[in-house]
PDB file of N, CA and C in Angstrom:
ATOM      1  N   MET A   1      10.399 -10.439  -8.613  1.00  0.00           N
ATOM      2  CA  MET A   1       9.620  -9.261  -8.184  1.00  0.00           C
ATOM      3  C   MET A   1       8.220  -9.487  -8.684  1.00  0.00           C
ATOM      4  N   SER A   2       7.228  -9.061  -7.857  1.00  0.00           N
ATOM      5  CA  SER A   2       5.848  -9.216  -8.243  1.00  0.00           C
ATOM      6  C   SER A   2       5.141  -7.860  -8.078  1.00  0.00           C
ATOM      7  N   THR A   3       4.013  -7.773  -8.738  1.00  0.00           N
ATOM      8  CA  THR A   3       3.141  -6.585  -8.608  1.00  0.00           C
ATOM      9  C   THR A   3       1.847  -7.038  -7.914  1.00  0.00           C
ATOM     10  N   LEU A   4       1.543  -6.429  -6.824  1.00  0.00           N
ATOM     11  CA  LEU A   4       0.380  -6.776  -6.009  1.00  0.00           C
ATOM     12  C   LEU A   4      -0.544  -5.538  -5.965  1.00  0.00           C
ATOM     13  N   ARG A   5      -1.849  -5.786  -5.958  1.00  0.00           N
ATOM     14  CA  ARG A   5      -2.845  -4.683  -5.823  1.00  0.00           C
ATOM     15  C   ARG A   5      -3.783  -4.970  -4.678  1.00  0.00           C
ATOM     16  N   PHE A   6      -4.132  -3.849  -4.020  1.00  0.00           N
ATOM     17  CA  PHE A   6      -4.955  -3.929  -2.832  1.00  0.00           C
ATOM     18  C   PHE A   6      -6.025  -2.844  -2.822  1.00  0.00           C
ATOM     19  N   ASN A   7      -7.228  -3.209  -2.373  1.00  0.00           N
ATOM     20  CA  ASN A   7      -8.235  -2.152  -2.087  1.00  0.00           C
ATOM     21  C   ASN A   7      -7.919  -1.692  -0.669  1.00  0.00           C
ATOM     22  N   THR A   8      -7.937  -0.368  -0.452  1.00  0.00           N
ATOM     23  CA  THR A   8      -7.485   0.190   0.784  1.00  0.00           C
ATOM     24  C   THR A   8      -8.369   1.293   1.340  1.00  0.00           C
ATOM     25  N   THR A   9      -8.077   1.789   2.540  1.00  0.00           N
ATOM     26  CA  THR A   9      -8.736   2.929   3.101  1.00  0.00           C
ATOM     27  C   THR A   9      -7.858   4.184   3.066  1.00  0.00           C
ATOM     28  N   ILE A  10      -6.846   4.138   2.185  1.00  0.00           N
ATOM     29  CA  ILE A  10      -5.956   5.283   1.959  1.00  0.00           C
ATOM     30  C   ILE A  10      -6.629   6.162   0.970  1.00  0.00           C
ATOM     31  N   ASN A  11      -7.364   7.208   1.459  1.00  0.00           N
ATOM     32  CA  ASN A  11      -8.289   7.913   0.570  1.00  0.00           C
ATOM     33  C   ASN A  11      -7.980   9.382   0.233  1.00  0.00           C
ATOM     34  N   CYS A  12      -6.833   9.874   0.669  1.00  0.00           N
ATOM     35  CA  CYS A  12      -6.506  11.285   0.349  1.00  0.00           C
ATOM     36  C   CYS A  12      -5.030  11.561   0.428  1.00  0.00           C
ATOM     37  N   ALA A  13      -4.621  12.715   0.046  1.00  0.00           N
ATOM     38  CA  ALA A  13      -3.209  13.060   0.012  1.00  0.00           C
ATOM     39  C   ALA A  13      -2.591  12.945   1.389  1.00  0.00           C
ATOM     40  N   ASN A  14      -3.320  13.328   2.424  1.00  0.00           N
ATOM     41  CA  ASN A  14      -2.809  13.262   3.807  1.00  0.00           C
ATOM     42  C   ASN A  14      -2.571  11.797   4.207  1.00  0.00           C
ATOM     43  N   CYS A  15      -3.448  10.955   3.759  1.00  0.00           N
ATOM     44  CA  CYS A  15      -3.296   9.467   4.042  1.00  0.00           C
ATOM     45  C   CYS A  15      -2.056   8.922   3.344  1.00  0.00           C
ATOM     46  N   VAL A  16      -1.872   9.354   2.108  1.00  0.00           N
ATOM     47  CA  VAL A  16      -0.656   8.931   1.348  1.00  0.00           C
ATOM     48  C   VAL A  16       0.554   9.415   2.066  1.00  0.00           C
ATOM     49  N   ARG A  17       0.573  10.653   2.597  1.00  0.00           N
ATOM     50  CA  ARG A  17       1.768  11.161   3.270  1.00  0.00           C
ATOM     51  C   ARG A  17       1.909  10.310   4.609  1.00  0.00           C
ATOM     52  N   ALA A  18       0.882   9.955   5.187  1.00  0.00           N
ATOM     53  CA  ALA A  18       1.020   9.129   6.455  1.00  0.00           C
ATOM     54  C   ALA A  18       1.583   7.742   6.238  1.00  0.00           C
ATOM     55  N   ILE A  19       1.312   7.171   5.141  1.00  0.00           N
ATOM     56  CA  ILE A  19       1.779   5.813   4.885  1.00  0.00           C
ATOM     57  C   ILE A  19       3.164   5.769   4.186  1.00  0.00           C
ATOM     58  N   THR A  20       3.529   6.916   3.571  1.00  0.00           N
ATOM     59  CA  THR A  20       4.808   6.970   2.854  1.00  0.00           C
ATOM     60  C   THR A  20       5.995   6.456   3.657  1.00  0.00           C
ATOM     61  N   PRO A  21       6.228   6.895   4.860  1.00  0.00           N
ATOM     62  CA  PRO A  21       7.459   6.462   5.562  1.00  0.00           C
ATOM     63  C   PRO A  21       7.454   4.956   5.795  1.00  0.00           C
ATOM     64  N   THR A  22       6.271   4.347   6.019  1.00  0.00           N
ATOM     65  CA  THR A  22       6.220   2.920   6.201  1.00  0.00           C
ATOM     66  C   THR A  22       6.579   2.118   4.948  1.00  0.00           C
ATOM     67  N   LEU A  23       5.940   2.512   3.818  1.00  0.00           N
ATOM     68  CA  LEU A  23       6.184   1.806   2.600  1.00  0.00           C
ATOM     69  C   LEU A  23       7.568   2.088   2.018  1.00  0.00           C
ATOM     70  N   ASN A  24       8.025   3.338   2.108  1.00  0.00           N
ATOM     71  CA  ASN A  24       9.331   3.689   1.611  1.00  0.00           C
ATOM     72  C   ASN A  24      10.460   3.031   2.467  1.00  0.00           C
ATOM     73  N   GLY A  25      10.148   2.777   3.747  1.00  0.00           N
ATOM     74  CA  GLY A  25      11.143   2.229   4.638  1.00  0.00           C
ATOM     75  C   GLY A  25      11.268   0.700   4.517  1.00  0.00           C
ATOM     76  N   GLU A  26      10.448   0.094   3.710  1.00  0.00           N
ATOM     77  CA  GLU A  26      10.567  -1.358   3.495  1.00  0.00           C
ATOM     78  C   GLU A  26      11.426  -1.656   2.299  1.00  0.00           C
ATOM     79  N   PRO A  27      12.626  -2.209   2.531  1.00  0.00           N
ATOM     80  CA  PRO A  27      13.579  -2.430   1.446  1.00  0.00           C
ATOM     81  C   PRO A  27      13.112  -3.426   0.379  1.00  0.00           C
ATOM     82  N   ALA A  28      12.139  -4.262   0.698  1.00  0.00           N
ATOM     83  CA  ALA A  28      11.690  -5.251  -0.287  1.00  0.00           C
ATOM     84  C   ALA A  28      10.680  -4.645  -1.326  1.00  0.00           C
ATOM     85  N   ILE A  29      10.255  -3.397  -1.013  1.00  0.00           N
ATOM     86  CA  ILE A  29       9.365  -2.667  -1.912  1.00  0.00           C
ATOM     87  C   ILE A  29      10.193  -1.827  -2.872  1.00  0.00           C
ATOM     88  N   SER A  30      10.115  -2.050  -4.160  1.00  0.00           N
ATOM     89  CA  SER A  30      10.848  -1.250  -5.105  1.00  0.00           C
ATOM     90  C   SER A  30      10.059   0.000  -5.553  1.00  0.00           C
ATOM     91  N   SER A  31       8.757  -0.098  -5.579  1.00  0.00           N
ATOM     92  CA  SER A  31       7.917   1.073  -5.889  1.00  0.00           C
ATOM     93  C   SER A  31       6.465   0.791  -5.444  1.00  0.00           C
ATOM     94  N   TRP A  32       5.684   1.877  -5.276  1.00  0.00           N
ATOM     95  CA  TRP A  32       4.339   1.705  -4.897  1.00  0.00           C
ATOM     96  C   TRP A  32       3.570   3.049  -5.272  1.00  0.00           C
ATOM     97  N   GLN A  33       2.268   2.909  -5.356  1.00  0.00           N
ATOM     98  CA  GLN A  33       1.428   4.041  -5.615  1.00  0.00           C
ATOM     99  C   GLN A  33       0.006   3.733  -5.209  1.00  0.00           C
ATOM    100  N   VAL A  34      -0.744   4.793  -4.853  1.00  0.00           N
ATOM    101  CA  VAL A  34      -2.135   4.670  -4.469  1.00  0.00           C
ATOM    102  C   VAL A  34      -2.988   5.515  -5.460  1.00  0.00           C
ATOM    103  N   ASP A  35      -3.957   4.918  -6.041  1.00  0.00           N
ATOM    104  CA  ASP A  35      -4.870   5.634  -6.896  1.00  0.00           C
ATOM    105  C   ASP A  35      -6.053   6.101  -6.045  1.00  0.00           C
ATOM    106  N   THR A  36      -6.016   7.261  -5.487  1.00  0.00           N
ATOM    107  CA  THR A  36      -7.069   7.740  -4.580  1.00  0.00           C
ATOM    108  C   THR A  36      -8.309   8.229  -5.346  1.00  0.00           C
ATOM    109  N   ASP A  37      -8.217   8.272  -6.689  1.00  0.00           N
ATOM    110  CA  ASP A  37      -9.375   8.672  -7.512  1.00  0.00           C
ATOM    111  C   ASP A  37     -10.349   7.540  -7.777  1.00  0.00           C
ATOM    112  N   THR A  38      -9.978   6.309  -7.509  1.00  0.00           N
ATOM    113  CA  THR A  38     -10.879   5.154  -7.742  1.00  0.00           C
ATOM    114  C   THR A  38     -11.641   4.875  -6.436  1.00  0.00           C
ATOM    115  N   PRO A  39     -12.867   4.304  -6.550  1.00  0.00           N
ATOM    116  CA  PRO A  39     -13.633   4.019  -5.324  1.00  0.00           C
ATOM    117  C   PRO A  39     -12.967   3.064  -4.376  1.00  0.00           C
ATOM    118  N   ASN A  40     -12.107   2.135  -4.885  1.00  0.00           N
ATOM    119  CA  ASN A  40     -11.504   1.186  -4.009  1.00  0.00           C
ATOM    120  C   ASN A  40     -10.107   1.592  -3.506  1.00  0.00           C
ATOM    121  N   LYS A  41      -9.648   2.842  -3.910  1.00  0.00           N
ATOM    122  CA  LYS A  41      -8.368   3.398  -3.417  1.00  0.00           C
ATOM    123  C   LYS A  41      -7.270   2.367  -3.620  1.00  0.00           C
ATOM    124  N   VAL A  42      -7.040   1.966  -4.804  1.00  0.00           N
ATOM    125  CA  VAL A  42      -6.148   0.828  -5.118  1.00  0.00           C
ATOM    126  C   VAL A  42      -4.662   1.179  -4.895  1.00  0.00           C
ATOM    127  N   LEU A  43      -4.036   0.354  -3.989  1.00  0.00           N
ATOM    128  CA  LEU A  43      -2.570   0.460  -3.761  1.00  0.00           C
ATOM    129  C   LEU A  43      -1.930  -0.612  -4.637  1.00  0.00           C
ATOM    130  N   THR A  44      -0.934  -0.173  -5.412  1.00  0.00           N
ATOM    131  CA  THR A  44      -0.147  -1.062  -6.292  1.00  0.00           C
ATOM    132  C   THR A  44       1.306  -1.072  -5.692  1.00  0.00           C
ATOM    133  N   VAL A  45       1.738  -2.270  -5.398  1.00  0.00           N
ATOM    134  CA  VAL A  45       3.096  -2.466  -4.816  1.00  0.00           C
ATOM    135  C   VAL A  45       3.909  -3.385  -5.718  1.00  0.00           C
ATOM    136  N   ASN A  46       5.138  -2.931  -6.030  1.00  0.00           N
ATOM    137  CA  ASN A  46       6.070  -3.751  -6.784  1.00  0.00           C
ATOM    138  C   ASN A  46       7.198  -4.090  -5.792  1.00  0.00           C
ATOM    139  N   GLY A  47       7.519  -5.349  -5.709  1.00  0.00           N
ATOM    140  CA  GLY A  47       8.573  -5.778  -4.776  1.00  0.00           C
ATOM    141  C   GLY A  47       8.565  -7.265  -4.563  1.00  0.00           C
ATOM    142  N   ASP A  48       9.243  -7.632  -3.508  1.00  0.00           N
ATOM    143  CA  ASP A  48       9.413  -9.024  -3.120  1.00  0.00           C
ATOM    144  C   ASP A  48       8.757  -9.380  -1.815  1.00  0.00           C
ATOM    145  N   LEU A  49       7.548  -8.890  -1.639  1.00  0.00           N
ATOM    146  CA  LEU A  49       6.733  -9.190  -0.416  1.00  0.00           C
ATOM    147  C   LEU A  49       5.515  -9.989  -0.767  1.00  0.00           C
ATOM    148  N   SER A  50       5.042 -10.754   0.191  1.00  0.00           N
ATOM    149  CA  SER A  50       3.731 -11.450  -0.045  1.00  0.00           C
ATOM    150  C   SER A  50       2.625 -10.472   0.249  1.00  0.00           C
ATOM    151  N   ALA A  51       1.422 -10.816  -0.205  1.00  0.00           N
ATOM    152  CA  ALA A  51       0.277 -10.017   0.022  1.00  0.00           C
ATOM    153  C   ALA A  51       0.038  -9.821   1.530  1.00  0.00           C
ATOM    154  N   GLU A  52       0.241 -10.846   2.347  1.00  0.00           N
ATOM    155  CA  GLU A  52       0.052 -10.801   3.771  1.00  0.00           C
ATOM    156  C   GLU A  52       1.064  -9.781   4.372  1.00  0.00           C
ATOM    157  N   GLN A  53       2.266  -9.740   3.906  1.00  0.00           N
ATOM    158  CA  GLN A  53       3.253  -8.795   4.413  1.00  0.00           C
ATOM    159  C   GLN A  53       2.873  -7.362   4.108  1.00  0.00           C
ATOM    160  N   VAL A  54       2.348  -7.085   2.943  1.00  0.00           N
ATOM    161  CA  VAL A  54       1.954  -5.731   2.558  1.00  0.00           C
ATOM    162  C   VAL A  54       0.743  -5.347   3.400  1.00  0.00           C
ATOM    163  N   VAL A  55      -0.190  -6.242   3.584  1.00  0.00           N
ATOM    164  CA  VAL A  55      -1.375  -5.950   4.442  1.00  0.00           C
ATOM    165  C   VAL A  55      -0.892  -5.579   5.823  1.00  0.00           C
ATOM    166  N   ALA A  56       0.053  -6.310   6.348  1.00  0.00           N
ATOM    167  CA  ALA A  56       0.531  -5.990   7.700  1.00  0.00           C
ATOM    168  C   ALA A  56       1.197  -4.668   7.799  1.00  0.00           C
ATOM    169  N   LEU A  57       1.956  -4.261   6.754  1.00  0.00           N
ATOM    170  CA  LEU A  57       2.569  -2.947   6.704  1.00  0.00           C
ATOM    171  C   LEU A  57       1.536  -1.821   6.704  1.00  0.00           C
ATOM    172  N   VAL A  58       0.502  -2.024   5.873  1.00  0.00           N
ATOM    173  CA  VAL A  58      -0.528  -1.010   5.730  1.00  0.00           C
ATOM    174  C   VAL A  58      -1.271  -0.910   7.079  1.00  0.00           C
ATOM    175  N   GLN A  59      -1.575  -2.023   7.733  1.00  0.00           N
ATOM    176  CA  GLN A  59      -2.267  -1.989   9.022  1.00  0.00           C
ATOM    177  C   GLN A  59      -1.401  -1.307  10.079  1.00  0.00           C
ATOM    178  N   GLU A  60      -0.104  -1.569  10.049  1.00  0.00           N
ATOM    179  CA  GLU A  60       0.870  -0.908  10.942  1.00  0.00           C
ATOM    180  C   GLU A  60       0.816   0.636  10.842  1.00  0.00           C
ATOM    181  N   ALA A  61       0.536   1.082   9.637  1.00  0.00           N
ATOM    182  CA  ALA A  61       0.446   2.511   9.419  1.00  0.00           C
ATOM    183  C   ALA A  61      -0.976   3.086   9.726  1.00  0.00           C
ATOM    184  N   GLY A  62      -1.899   2.202  10.116  1.00  0.00           N
ATOM    185  CA  GLY A  62      -3.213   2.672  10.534  1.00  0.00           C
ATOM    186  C   GLY A  62      -4.285   2.592   9.446  1.00  0.00           C
ATOM    187  N   PHE A  63      -4.071   1.839   8.402  1.00  0.00           N
ATOM    188  CA  PHE A  63      -5.024   1.708   7.359  1.00  0.00           C
ATOM    189  C   PHE A  63      -5.400   0.297   7.102  1.00  0.00           C
ATOM    190  N   GLU A  64      -6.440   0.016   6.391  1.00  0.00           N
ATOM    191  CA  GLU A  64      -6.866  -1.286   5.976  1.00  0.00           C
ATOM    192  C   GLU A  64      -6.548  -1.590   4.558  1.00  0.00           C
ATOM    193  N   ALA A  65      -6.212  -2.832   4.236  1.00  0.00           N
ATOM    194  CA  ALA A  65      -5.931  -3.268   2.880  1.00  0.00           C
ATOM    195  C   ALA A  65      -6.371  -4.710   2.705  1.00  0.00           C
ATOM    196  N   ARG A  66      -6.892  -5.021   1.543  1.00  0.00           N
ATOM    197  CA  ARG A  66      -7.248  -6.363   1.164  1.00  0.00           C
ATOM    198  C   ARG A  66      -6.928  -6.585  -0.269  1.00  0.00           C
ATOM    199  N   PRO A  67      -6.411  -7.819  -0.584  1.00  0.00           N
ATOM    200  CA  PRO A  67      -6.007  -8.034  -2.015  1.00  0.00           C
ATOM    201  C   PRO A  67      -7.179  -7.698  -3.014  1.00  0.00           C
ATOM    202  N   ALA A  68      -6.906  -7.059  -4.066  1.00  0.00           N
ATOM    203  CA  ALA A  68      -7.870  -6.601  -5.041  1.00  0.00           C
ATOM    204  C   ALA A  68      -8.161  -7.779  -6.015  1.00  0.00           C
TER     205      ALA A  68
END
C-alpha cells in the first residue's frame, strides 16, 4: 500500500461530496482525504493504485489532479 498526494481542483465541501462516490467506490483505495484549506487543495490517497490511476478517477469525477 502506498500514500499518494495530488494538487487538485477539489476546493469546497460540495466538491468533496461530488467526488466521494468515485473514490469510495474504488476498492483499491483504503482511505483518502482532501485538505481544502490549503492553496493546492491536496488530495491524499492510501491504497494500491498508481498516480495515473488516481488522476484518471479524479478526472472521471470532473476535477483535475496532478502529483504533488
